[in-house]
Amino acid sequence: ISKYPTPFSDLKLSEVDFKKHAGFSDHSIGISGSL
């Protein structure tokens, strides 16, 4: 998500298929989004 920083409410990680996406470029604060 190209917002700096990205609000957690905008991450919507449950909608991401990580079988297709290899990973996550995380611009949110802290490490919760990455985890």
PDB file of all heavy atoms in Angstrom:
ATOM      1  N   ILE A   1       0.873  -1.174   0.000  1.00  0.00           N
ATOM      2  CA  ILE A   1       0.000   0.000   0.000  1.00  0.00           C
ATOM      3  C   ILE A   1       0.909   1.223   0.000  1.00  0.00           C
ATOM      4  O   ILE A   1       1.702   1.405   0.922  1.00  0.00           O
ATOM      5  CB  ILE A   1      -0.932   0.032   1.228  1.00  0.00           C
ATOM      6  CG1 ILE A   1      -1.784  -1.233   1.304  1.00  0.00           C
ATOM      7  CG2 ILE A   1      -1.811   1.277   1.191  1.00  0.00           C
ATOM      8  CD1 ILE A   1      -2.769  -1.412   0.191  1.00  0.00           C
ATOM      9  N   SER A   2       0.795   2.052  -1.019  1.00  0.00           N
ATOM     10  CA  SER A   2       1.697   3.197  -1.154  1.00  0.00           C
ATOM     11  C   SER A   2       1.179   4.412  -0.390  1.00  0.00           C
ATOM     12  O   SER A   2       0.862   5.464  -0.953  1.00  0.00           O
ATOM     13  CB  SER A   2       1.909   3.525  -2.638  1.00  0.00           C
ATOM     14  OG  SER A   2       2.598   2.477  -3.268  1.00  0.00           O
ATOM     15  N   LYS A   3       1.092   4.239   0.916  1.00  0.00           N
ATOM     16  CA  LYS A   3       0.801   5.345   1.824  1.00  0.00           C
ATOM     17  C   LYS A   3       1.877   5.326   2.898  1.00  0.00           C
ATOM     18  O   LYS A   3       2.223   4.257   3.398  1.00  0.00           O
ATOM     19  CB  LYS A   3      -0.575   5.187   2.484  1.00  0.00           C
ATOM     20  CG  LYS A   3      -1.750   5.321   1.525  1.00  0.00           C
ATOM     21  CD  LYS A   3      -3.076   5.212   2.279  1.00  0.00           C
ATOM     22  CE  LYS A   3      -4.257   5.336   1.339  1.00  0.00           C
ATOM     23  NZ  LYS A   3      -5.550   5.208   2.060  1.00  0.00           N
ATOM     24  N   TYR A   4       2.392   6.504   3.267  1.00  0.00           N
ATOM     25  CA  TYR A   4       3.544   6.575   4.159  1.00  0.00           C
ATOM     26  C   TYR A   4       3.229   7.496   5.341  1.00  0.00           C
ATOM     27  O   TYR A   4       3.308   8.705   5.182  1.00  0.00           O
ATOM     28  CB  TYR A   4       4.761   7.079   3.392  1.00  0.00           C
ATOM     29  CG  TYR A   4       5.040   6.281   2.152  1.00  0.00           C
ATOM     30  CD1 TYR A   4       4.461   6.633   0.932  1.00  0.00           C
ATOM     31  CD2 TYR A   4       5.860   5.162   2.192  1.00  0.00           C
ATOM     32  CE1 TYR A   4       4.716   5.885  -0.208  1.00  0.00           C
ATOM     33  CE2 TYR A   4       6.117   4.408   1.054  1.00  0.00           C
ATOM     34  CZ  TYR A   4       5.542   4.779  -0.142  1.00  0.00           C
ATOM     35  OH  TYR A   4       5.782   4.027  -1.273  1.00  0.00           O
ATOM     36  N   PRO A   5       2.891   6.950   6.516  1.00  0.00           N
ATOM     37  CA  PRO A   5       2.724   5.519   6.799  1.00  0.00           C
ATOM     38  C   PRO A   5       1.342   5.028   6.376  1.00  0.00           C
ATOM     39  O   PRO A   5       0.433   5.829   6.145  1.00  0.00           O
ATOM     40  CB  PRO A   5       2.880   5.450   8.317  1.00  0.00           C
ATOM     41  CG  PRO A   5       2.364   6.780   8.786  1.00  0.00           C
ATOM     42  CD  PRO A   5       2.762   7.780   7.730  1.00  0.00           C
ATOM     43  N   THR A   6       1.178   3.707   6.316  1.00  0.00           N
ATOM     44  CA  THR A   6      -0.104   3.098   5.979  1.00  0.00           C
ATOM     45  C   THR A   6      -0.896   2.831   7.260  1.00  0.00           C
ATOM     46  O   THR A   6      -0.404   2.124   8.138  1.00  0.00           O
ATOM     47  CB  THR A   6       0.098   1.763   5.245  1.00  0.00           C
ATOM     48  OG1 THR A   6       0.937   1.963   4.111  1.00  0.00           O
ATOM     49  CG2 THR A   6      -1.240   1.202   4.797  1.00  0.00           C
ATOM     50  N   PRO A   7      -2.123   3.364   7.383  1.00  0.00           N
ATOM     51  CA  PRO A   7      -2.947   3.017   8.553  1.00  0.00           C
ATOM     52  C   PRO A   7      -3.273   1.522   8.541  1.00  0.00           C
ATOM     53  O   PRO A   7      -3.447   0.922   7.474  1.00  0.00           O
ATOM     54  CB  PRO A   7      -4.218   3.854   8.337  1.00  0.00           C
ATOM     55  CG  PRO A   7      -3.835   4.924   7.360  1.00  0.00           C
ATOM     56  CD  PRO A   7      -2.775   4.333   6.489  1.00  0.00           C
ATOM     57  N   PHE A   8      -3.352   0.926   9.710  1.00  0.00           N
ATOM     58  CA  PHE A   8      -3.669  -0.500   9.780  1.00  0.00           C
ATOM     59  C   PHE A   8      -4.995  -0.816   9.102  1.00  0.00           C
ATOM     60  O   PHE A   8      -5.152  -1.879   8.510  1.00  0.00           O
ATOM     61  CB  PHE A   8      -3.701  -0.966  11.244  1.00  0.00           C
ATOM     62  CG  PHE A   8      -2.341  -1.083  11.865  1.00  0.00           C
ATOM     63  CD1 PHE A   8      -1.984  -0.279  12.932  1.00  0.00           C
ATOM     64  CD2 PHE A   8      -1.412  -1.990  11.381  1.00  0.00           C
ATOM     65  CE1 PHE A   8      -0.721  -0.383  13.504  1.00  0.00           C
ATOM     66  CE2 PHE A   8      -0.152  -2.094  11.946  1.00  0.00           C
ATOM     67  CZ  PHE A   8       0.186  -1.284  13.008  1.00  0.00           C
ATOM     68  N   SER A   9      -5.939   0.118   9.182  1.00  0.00           N
ATOM     69  CA  SER A   9      -7.252  -0.121   8.590  1.00  0.00           C
ATOM     70  C   SER A   9      -7.197  -0.231   7.070  1.00  0.00           C
ATOM     71  O   SER A   9      -8.117  -0.765   6.441  1.00  0.00           O
ATOM     72  CB  SER A   9      -8.212   1.008   8.978  1.00  0.00           C
ATOM     73  OG  SER A   9      -7.711   2.262   8.554  1.00  0.00           O
ATOM     74  N   ASP A  10      -6.104   0.252   6.475  1.00  0.00           N
ATOM     75  CA  ASP A  10      -5.962   0.186   5.017  1.00  0.00           C
ATOM     76  C   ASP A  10      -5.208  -1.051   4.546  1.00  0.00           C
ATOM     77  O   ASP A  10      -5.132  -1.311   3.341  1.00  0.00           O
ATOM     78  CB  ASP A  10      -5.228   1.429   4.494  1.00  0.00           C
ATOM     79  CG  ASP A  10      -6.092   2.676   4.540  1.00  0.00           C
ATOM     80  OD1 ASP A  10      -7.312   2.540   4.761  1.00  0.00           O
ATOM     81  OD2 ASP A  10      -5.548   3.788   4.358  1.00  0.00           O
ATOM     82  N   LEU A  11      -4.635  -1.830   5.460  1.00  0.00           N
ATOM     83  CA  LEU A  11      -3.815  -2.972   5.044  1.00  0.00           C
ATOM     84  C   LEU A  11      -4.648  -4.080   4.407  1.00  0.00           C
ATOM     85  O   LEU A  11      -4.248  -4.661   3.394  1.00  0.00           O
ATOM     86  CB  LEU A  11      -3.039  -3.530   6.237  1.00  0.00           C
ATOM     87  CG  LEU A  11      -1.949  -2.635   6.811  1.00  0.00           C
ATOM     88  CD1 LEU A  11      -1.237  -3.338   7.964  1.00  0.00           C
ATOM     89  CD2 LEU A  11      -0.928  -2.247   5.732  1.00  0.00           C
ATOM     90  N   LYS A  12      -5.776  -4.415   5.007  1.00  0.00           N
ATOM     91  CA  LYS A  12      -6.701  -5.420   4.453  1.00  0.00           C
ATOM     92  C   LYS A  12      -5.966  -6.712   4.075  1.00  0.00           C
ATOM     93  O   LYS A  12      -6.161  -7.285   2.993  1.00  0.00           O
ATOM     94  CB  LYS A  12      -7.463  -4.857   3.254  1.00  0.00           C
ATOM     95  CG  LYS A  12      -8.235  -3.581   3.584  1.00  0.00           C
ATOM     96  CD  LYS A  12      -9.106  -3.129   2.441  1.00  0.00           C
ATOM     97  CE  LYS A  12      -9.742  -1.774   2.719  1.00  0.00           C
ATOM     98  NZ  LYS A  12     -10.514  -1.720   3.969  1.00  0.00           N
ATOM     99  N   LEU A  13      -5.119  -7.175   4.968  1.00  0.00           N
ATOM    100  CA  LEU A  13      -4.288  -8.348   4.687  1.00  0.00           C
ATOM    101  C   LEU A  13      -5.097  -9.624   4.520  1.00  0.00           C
ATOM    102  O   LEU A  13      -4.663 -10.551   3.823  1.00  0.00           O
ATOM    103  CB  LEU A  13      -3.248  -8.517   5.793  1.00  0.00           C
ATOM    104  CG  LEU A  13      -2.124  -7.473   5.797  1.00  0.00           C
ATOM    105  CD1 LEU A  13      -1.308  -7.576   7.079  1.00  0.00           C
ATOM    106  CD2 LEU A  13      -1.221  -7.627   4.589  1.00  0.00           C
ATOM    107  N   SER A  14      -6.284  -9.687   5.129  1.00  0.00           N
ATOM    108  CA  SER A  14      -7.099 -10.896   4.985  1.00  0.00           C
ATOM    109  C   SER A  14      -7.578 -11.100   3.549  1.00  0.00           C
ATOM    110  O   SER A  14      -7.973 -12.204   3.170  1.00  0.00           O
ATOM    111  CB  SER A  14      -8.309 -10.840   5.931  1.00  0.00           C
ATOM    112  OG  SER A  14      -9.171  -9.772   5.572  1.00  0.00           O
ATOM    113  N   GLU A  15      -7.513 -10.035   2.741  1.00  0.00           N
ATOM    114  CA  GLU A  15      -7.942 -10.130   1.352  1.00  0.00           C
ATOM    115  C   GLU A  15      -6.799 -10.510   0.405  1.00  0.00           C
ATOM    116  O   GLU A  15      -7.005 -10.683  -0.793  1.00  0.00           O
ATOM    117  CB  GLU A  15      -8.543  -8.794   0.899  1.00  0.00           C
ATOM    118  CG  GLU A  15      -9.755  -8.365   1.727  1.00  0.00           C
ATOM    119  CD  GLU A  15     -10.265  -6.988   1.350  1.00  0.00           C
ATOM    120  OE1 GLU A  15      -9.783  -6.428   0.326  1.00  0.00           O
ATOM    121  OE2 GLU A  15     -11.136  -6.457   2.066  1.00  0.00           O
ATOM    122  N   VAL A  16      -5.592 -10.649   0.938  1.00  0.00           N
ATOM    123  CA  VAL A  16      -4.411 -10.914   0.108  1.00  0.00           C
ATOM    124  C   VAL A  16      -4.159 -12.418   0.022  1.00  0.00           C
ATOM    125  O   VAL A  16      -4.146 -13.110   1.041  1.00  0.00           O
ATOM    126  CB  VAL A  16      -3.166 -10.210   0.693  1.00  0.00           C
ATOM    127  CG1 VAL A  16      -1.944 -10.473  -0.195  1.00  0.00           C
ATOM    128  CG2 VAL A  16      -3.414  -8.715   0.827  1.00  0.00           C
ATOM    129  N   ASP A  17      -3.953 -12.897  -1.186  1.00  0.00           N
ATOM    130  CA  ASP A  17      -3.615 -14.307  -1.401  1.00  0.00           C
ATOM    131  C   ASP A  17      -2.091 -14.438  -1.446  1.00  0.00           C
ATOM    132  O   ASP A  17      -1.464 -14.109  -2.453  1.00  0.00           O
ATOM    133  CB  ASP A  17      -4.232 -14.802  -2.710  1.00  0.00           C
ATOM    134  CG  ASP A  17      -3.999 -16.286  -2.944  1.00  0.00           C
ATOM    135  OD1 ASP A  17      -3.218 -16.894  -2.189  1.00  0.00           O
ATOM    136  OD2 ASP A  17      -4.590 -16.831  -3.896  1.00  0.00           O
ATOM    137  N   PHE A  18      -1.511 -14.917  -0.353  1.00  0.00           N
ATOM    138  CA  PHE A  18      -0.059 -15.029  -0.298  1.00  0.00           C
ATOM    139  C   PHE A  18       0.470 -16.300  -0.964  1.00  0.00           C
ATOM    140  O   PHE A  18       1.651 -16.604  -0.872  1.00  0.00           O
ATOM    141  CB  PHE A  18       0.436 -14.904   1.145  1.00  0.00           C
ATOM    142  CG  PHE A  18       0.454 -13.480   1.634  1.00  0.00           C
ATOM    143  CD1 PHE A  18      -0.455 -13.032   2.578  1.00  0.00           C
ATOM    144  CD2 PHE A  18       1.372 -12.575   1.123  1.00  0.00           C
ATOM    145  CE1 PHE A  18      -0.438 -11.721   3.020  1.00  0.00           C
ATOM    146  CE2 PHE A  18       1.396 -11.254   1.548  1.00  0.00           C
ATOM    147  CZ  PHE A  18       0.485 -10.829   2.507  1.00  0.00           C
ATOM    148  N   LYS A  19      -0.405 -17.007  -1.654  1.00  0.00           N
ATOM    149  CA  LYS A  19       0.072 -18.042  -2.571  1.00  0.00           C
ATOM    150  C   LYS A  19       0.431 -17.414  -3.918  1.00  0.00           C
ATOM    151  O   LYS A  19       1.215 -17.966  -4.686  1.00  0.00           O
ATOM    152  CB  LYS A  19      -0.991 -19.124  -2.750  1.00  0.00           C
ATOM    153  CG  LYS A  19      -1.221 -19.963  -1.504  1.00  0.00           C
ATOM    154  CD  LYS A  19      -2.263 -21.041  -1.741  1.00  0.00           C
ATOM    155  CE  LYS A  19      -2.475 -21.856  -0.472  1.00  0.00           C
ATOM    156  NZ  LYS A  19      -3.527 -22.902  -0.665  1.00  0.00           N
ATOM    157  N   LYS A  20      -0.185 -16.257  -4.191  1.00  0.00           N
ATOM    158  CA  LYS A  20       0.131 -15.510  -5.410  1.00  0.00           C
ATOM    159  C   LYS A  20       1.161 -14.418  -5.122  1.00  0.00           C
ATOM    160  O   LYS A  20       2.141 -14.267  -5.848  1.00  0.00           O
ATOM    161  CB  LYS A  20      -1.142 -14.911  -6.000  1.00  0.00           C
ATOM    162  CG  LYS A  20      -2.150 -15.937  -6.507  1.00  0.00           C
ATOM    163  CD  LYS A  20      -3.372 -15.254  -7.099  1.00  0.00           C
ATOM    164  CE  LYS A  20      -4.358 -16.278  -7.641  1.00  0.00           C
ATOM    165  NZ  LYS A  20      -5.574 -15.621  -8.207  1.00  0.00           N
ATOM    166  N   HIS A  21       0.904 -13.633  -4.095  1.00  0.00           N
ATOM    167  CA  HIS A  21       1.889 -12.633  -3.664  1.00  0.00           C
ATOM    168  C   HIS A  21       2.984 -13.347  -2.872  1.00  0.00           C
ATOM    169  O   HIS A  21       2.701 -14.116  -1.948  1.00  0.00           O
ATOM    170  CB  HIS A  21       1.249 -11.588  -2.760  1.00  0.00           C
ATOM    171  CG  HIS A  21       0.279 -10.678  -3.453  1.00  0.00           C
ATOM    172  ND1 HIS A  21      -1.040 -11.014  -3.657  1.00  0.00           N
ATOM    173  CD2 HIS A  21       0.450  -9.435  -3.976  1.00  0.00           C
ATOM    174  CE1 HIS A  21      -1.654 -10.018  -4.270  1.00  0.00           C
ATOM    175  NE2 HIS A  21      -0.781  -9.044  -4.481  1.00  0.00           N
ATOM    176  N   ALA A  22       4.231 -13.083  -3.228  1.00  0.00           N
ATOM    177  CA  ALA A  22       5.342 -13.703  -2.495  1.00  0.00           C
ATOM    178  C   ALA A  22       5.520 -13.094  -1.122  1.00  0.00           C
ATOM    179  O   ALA A  22       6.044 -13.739  -0.210  1.00  0.00           O
ATOM    180  CB  ALA A  22       6.635 -13.564  -3.287  1.00  0.00           C
ATOM    181  N   GLY A  23       5.087 -11.847  -0.962  1.00  0.00           N
ATOM    182  CA  GLY A  23       5.307 -11.206   0.320  1.00  0.00           C
ATOM    183  C   GLY A  23       4.667  -9.844   0.409  1.00  0.00           C
ATOM    184  O   GLY A  23       3.759  -9.503  -0.350  1.00  0.00           O
ATOM    185  N   PHE A  24       5.182  -9.046   1.331  1.00  0.00           N
ATOM    186  CA  PHE A  24       4.551  -7.795   1.744  1.00  0.00           C
ATOM    187  C   PHE A  24       5.616  -6.725   1.924  1.00  0.00           C
ATOM    188  O   PHE A  24       6.568  -6.899   2.688  1.00  0.00           O
ATOM    189  CB  PHE A  24       3.803  -8.028   3.060  1.00  0.00           C
ATOM    190  CG  PHE A  24       3.127  -6.842   3.660  1.00  0.00           C
ATOM    191  CD1 PHE A  24       2.487  -5.892   2.880  1.00  0.00           C
ATOM    192  CD2 PHE A  24       3.104  -6.681   5.041  1.00  0.00           C
ATOM    193  CE1 PHE A  24       1.846  -4.803   3.452  1.00  0.00           C
ATOM    194  CE2 PHE A  24       2.466  -5.599   5.635  1.00  0.00           C
ATOM    195  CZ  PHE A  24       1.832  -4.657   4.830  1.00  0.00           C
ATOM    196  N   SER A  25       5.449  -5.617   1.223  1.00  0.00           N
ATOM    197  CA  SER A  25       6.267  -4.432   1.447  1.00  0.00           C
ATOM    198  C   SER A  25       5.481  -3.535   2.392  1.00  0.00           C
ATOM    199  O   SER A  25       4.471  -2.937   2.003  1.00  0.00           O
ATOM    200  CB  SER A  25       6.556  -3.719   0.120  1.00  0.00           C
ATOM    201  OG  SER A  25       7.374  -2.588   0.328  1.00  0.00           O
ATOM    202  N   ASP A  26       5.929  -3.466   3.635  1.00  0.00           N
ATOM    203  CA  ASP A  26       5.135  -2.924   4.736  1.00  0.00           C
ATOM    204  C   ASP A  26       5.511  -1.482   5.048  1.00  0.00           C
ATOM    205  O   ASP A  26       6.646  -1.192   5.438  1.00  0.00           O
ATOM    206  CB  ASP A  26       5.359  -3.818   5.969  1.00  0.00           C
ATOM    207  CG  ASP A  26       4.543  -3.386   7.166  1.00  0.00           C
ATOM    208  OD1 ASP A  26       3.656  -2.523   7.020  1.00  0.00           O
ATOM    209  OD2 ASP A  26       4.794  -3.924   8.267  1.00  0.00           O
ATOM    210  N   HIS A  27       4.545  -0.569   4.910  1.00  0.00           N
ATOM    211  CA  HIS A  27       4.780   0.835   5.236  1.00  0.00           C
ATOM    212  C   HIS A  27       3.982   1.278   6.461  1.00  0.00           C
ATOM    213  O   HIS A  27       3.824   2.471   6.693  1.00  0.00           O
ATOM    214  CB  HIS A  27       4.430   1.727   4.041  1.00  0.00           C
ATOM    215  CG  HIS A  27       5.271   1.470   2.838  1.00  0.00           C
ATOM    216  ND1 HIS A  27       4.738   1.216   1.591  1.00  0.00           N
ATOM    217  CD2 HIS A  27       6.607   1.389   2.690  1.00  0.00           C
ATOM    218  CE1 HIS A  27       5.708   1.005   0.727  1.00  0.00           C
ATOM    219  NE2 HIS A  27       6.856   1.102   1.372  1.00  0.00           N
ATOM    220  N   SER A  28       3.458   0.322   7.222  1.00  0.00           N
ATOM    221  CA  SER A  28       2.731   0.676   8.445  1.00  0.00           C
ATOM    222  C   SER A  28       3.720   0.882   9.601  1.00  0.00           C
ATOM    223  O   SER A  28       4.893   0.519   9.505  1.00  0.00           O
ATOM    224  CB  SER A  28       1.719  -0.414   8.796  1.00  0.00           C
ATOM    225  OG  SER A  28       2.368  -1.646   9.070  1.00  0.00           O
ATOM    226  N   ILE A  29       3.236   1.458  10.676  1.00  0.00           N
ATOM    227  CA  ILE A  29       4.070   1.720  11.842  1.00  0.00           C
ATOM    228  C   ILE A  29       4.244   0.415  12.640  1.00  0.00           C
ATOM    229  O   ILE A  29       3.303  -0.346  12.830  1.00  0.00           O
ATOM    230  CB  ILE A  29       3.444   2.791  12.746  1.00  0.00           C
ATOM    231  CG1 ILE A  29       3.272   4.112  11.979  1.00  0.00           C
ATOM    232  CG2 ILE A  29       4.280   3.006  14.002  1.00  0.00           C
ATOM    233  CD1 ILE A  29       4.559   4.787  11.580  1.00  0.00           C
ATOM    234  N   GLY A  30       5.463   0.184  13.117  1.00  0.00           N
ATOM    235  CA  GLY A  30       5.716  -1.015  13.914  1.00  0.00           C
ATOM    236  C   GLY A  30       5.814  -2.260  13.049  1.00  0.00           C
ATOM    237  O   GLY A  30       5.957  -2.179  11.823  1.00  0.00           O
ATOM    238  N   ILE A  31       5.735  -3.428  13.689  1.00  0.00           N
ATOM    239  CA  ILE A  31       5.924  -4.683  12.969  1.00  0.00           C
ATOM    240  C   ILE A  31       4.679  -5.567  12.958  1.00  0.00           C
ATOM    241  O   ILE A  31       4.706  -6.671  12.423  1.00  0.00           O
ATOM    242  CB  ILE A  31       7.107  -5.486  13.539  1.00  0.00           C
ATOM    243  CG1 ILE A  31       6.875  -5.869  15.011  1.00  0.00           C
ATOM    244  CG2 ILE A  31       8.409  -4.709  13.376  1.00  0.00           C
ATOM    245  CD1 ILE A  31       7.934  -6.821  15.567  1.00  0.00           C
ATOM    246  N   SER A  32       3.569  -5.074  13.496  1.00  0.00           N
ATOM    247  CA  SER A  32       2.362  -5.902  13.565  1.00  0.00           C
ATOM    248  C   SER A  32       1.874  -6.311  12.181  1.00  0.00           C
ATOM    249  O   SER A  32       1.463  -7.458  11.975  1.00  0.00           O
ATOM    250  CB  SER A  32       1.249  -5.155  14.307  1.00  0.00           C
ATOM    251  OG  SER A  32       1.612  -4.910  15.642  1.00  0.00           O
ATOM    252  N   GLY A  33       1.905  -5.389  11.226  1.00  0.00           N
ATOM    253  CA  GLY A  33       1.464  -5.697   9.872  1.00  0.00           C
ATOM    254  C   GLY A  33       2.322  -6.779   9.236  1.00  0.00           C
ATOM    255  O   GLY A  33       1.812  -7.698   8.578  1.00  0.00           O
ATOM    256  N   SER A  34       3.617  -6.690   9.443  1.00  0.00           N
ATOM    257  CA  SER A  34       4.530  -7.690   8.892  1.00  0.00           C
ATOM    258  C   SER A  34       4.281  -9.058   9.516  1.00  0.00           C
ATOM    259  O   SER A  34       4.283 -10.082   8.821  1.00  0.00           O
ATOM    260  CB  SER A  34       5.985  -7.268   9.131  1.00  0.00           C
ATOM    261  OG  SER A  34       6.314  -6.130   8.374  1.00  0.00           O
ATOM    262  N   LEU A  35       4.069  -9.082  10.820  1.00  0.00           N
ATOM    263  CA  LEU A  35       3.812 -10.348  11.496  1.00  0.00           C
ATOM    264  C   LEU A  35       2.508 -10.974  11.022  1.00  0.00           C
ATOM    265  O   LEU A  35       2.415 -12.188  10.818  1.00  0.00           O
ATOM    266  CB  LEU A  35       3.785 -10.144  13.010  1.00  0.00           C
ATOM    267  CG  LEU A  35       5.105  -9.724  13.643  1.00  0.00           C
ATOM    268  CD1 LEU A  35       4.915  -9.411  15.110  1.00  0.00           C
ATOM    269  CD2 LEU A  35       6.158 -10.811  13.470  1.00  0.00           C
TER     270      LEU A  35
END
